[in-house]
Amino acid sequence: QVARATHLPAAMPDVSDLSTEGARKVKKELFDALKLLDENQDGFIDRDELFNILVALGVLERTTKFDVSSKLETVLAGLDANGDGCVDLEEFLDWVLFNRPNFEEVRPLEKRHLFLTPTDEARMERITLFELNSEENTAMMEQAGLGALQNPKRLIVSAGSSSTQAYDSSGFQVSVPTGTKVVSEDAMASLVEALTGRGYEQFIFINSIGYCCSHADSVLVSLEELATRDAKAAPARFHKAMSQAFSGVDLKVYNRAKDPQTKRSAFPQFVNDFSVALTKGVGLPDEIGDFVPDTIVDWGGSSFKVYVGGKRVGTEVMDANEVLCEDGFFYKERLPAALETILAYVRATSESASKVLIAQTGKTRELALAGKIR
C-alpha cells in the first residue's frame, strides 16, 4: 500500500474553487489515484489506506497537537459518516481540497448551544427509524423475516459502545449508560426496570452489539447463541439480564459483522442514527423553546458537521475532548472560543445561515451532564 500511495502528490494541492475546470481536473486525478488504493473498488477507503493517503497528501501535518495515531483516529472519526471504519472517496476529497473556507467575514448569527441528553438521542433515534426512514427500514425488516416495522409487540434495543437506547413503534423510549464497552450493572438494572410490564414479545438488538456476530452468521442471531460463544462479551451480559427478567421473549441480534472481502457490513443496516432527525430539526429538545434554527451543527467528539435544510454543507475536524476537557473535567470557560470557531466556519460555508443550533454529544457532554465542570 505504501508503494501504491506514491501515485498521489507529495503535498496537498492548492485548490480553492470547485467550480473551476482546473479544480475539477485536480479532483479527478486524485480520485483516480485514490481508486488504486481501493482494493474492492466500492468507492470507500479503510483505516490503513487512509493513513497512507493522509501521509502522501500532507494532511497529518495539519493537526500538530496529536501523535500520528491520534491524528488518524481524529480524521477518521470526523469523516466516517456511519461509524463503519470506512470513508467515502468523494467526501474525503471534498474535505481535503475544498473544505477550507474564508473566515474573514464577520456576520452576526443568533446561536443556541445545548448538550443533547441520552433521552434526546433515544427519541431522535426512534423518530429516524420509525418515521423518517420507515420505508427503507420496513424493507430490511421484511427481508430479515421480521414482518412489519410498526409492530407494537417488538422492542428495538440499540446497544452502542457506551450507551443503550430502547424504543418501540408506539413512542416509548429509554436510554441507559451501558453498552458493549461500558459495563454498568446499575444501568442494566434500570433498563430492565423500564421495560418490565410492557408486554413485548420480541427484542431486536442492533448497533454495535451486532459486531459480535460473524460474517458467516445469518442476518439474525440468537442472543443466547452469542452469549455462549464468549461469556465475557457484551451479549452475555445482556442475555443474563434480559433472559432472567423476560422469560419467553424472543431475543435476537441483527448481524453487523463485516465481510472480510468487501470490508463492508455483510447485511444492509437499519437507519436509526439520531443525527438524521437532528439535522432535519425533528424531535428537538423542548429547551430550545421558540428558537427555530435554519442551520444545525452536529458536534460529536472528533468533528462537527454543518447542515442547512437537512443537507450537509461542511465538515471540520475539531476534537472537543482535546479543546474542552482535561483531567476528567469539562472546562466551561473554554466553550465560548470553541463556539466562535464553529460560527466562523458556519459563516464561511453558508451565506443563508442566521439562526444556528449547536448540538453537542460525546465525552464533553457526558462530563457536563455528570456535573464534572470547572
Foldseek 3Di string as FASTA:
>chain_A
DLVLLVQAAQEADAAADCPDPVNVVVLVSVLVSLCVQQVVSPQKHALVSVLSNCNSHVVLVVDPPDPSVVSSVLVQVQAVPPPLRIHGSVSVSCCRHHQPFDLPDDDAFAEDEDAQDQQLFLQLLLCVQCPVCLVVNQVQCVVLVNHGQQDQQEKEWEAEQQKIWIDHNVRDIDIFGHHFNRDDPVRLVVVLVVCPPSNHQEYEYEHPVLQLDALPDRQKDFLVVSCVVDVPTPSVVNCVSCCVSPPNHGYIYGHQHADPVNSGGSGDHGPRGSVQCVLQVHSDDCVVPPQDFQKEWEAEQFKIFIHGNSHTQHIDTDGCCVQQHDPLAGEVVSPVVVVVVVVSSVVRRDVPGHYYYYYYYYSNSVRVVVVRYD
